[in-house]
Amino acid sequence: MCNVFKPERCHHCSSCNRCVLNMDHHCPWVNNCVGFWNRKYFLLLLIYVLLMTYFTLFSSAYDFYKAIEWGFNAQSVGANDKNLGKMVMIMIAYILNFIVVCLMTAFLKFHIMLASENKTTIENLDKLGKPF
């Protein structure tokens, strides 16, 4: 812990070993603390990731439909079928992308709600009475 005066809404990050003004959390994806000076860029990162996952979801929807249709129309699927691996990979990738879209939508919604209320994740957990 830092043994210096800390302003209001300043927290010590044990990962970065420094005090961060208006600290929200330590983000392992950007390997930095999200705080007063880079919160905008963190929100932009979430928006861009969400836009790309939605784009991927909509652009691969036709391939997913064709893979499902192939699965229902195939009379017998054997291990030596050429299309089996391709169709299974399309289905798995689409389902994983759908899961990421759902999670990222909820994550972005939560962080936009916090930003609109001028709160951080730590302050939100403080209000709920949960340890951080």
Foldseek 3Di string as FASTA:
>chain_A
DDPDDDDPCWDADPQVRGIAHVWQAQDPVVRGTQGDPCVVVVLVVLVVVLVVLVVVLVVLVVVLVVLVVCVVPDPDDDPPDPCPVVSVVSNVVNVVSVVVNVVSVVVSVVSVVCVVVVHHNCVVCVVVVHDD
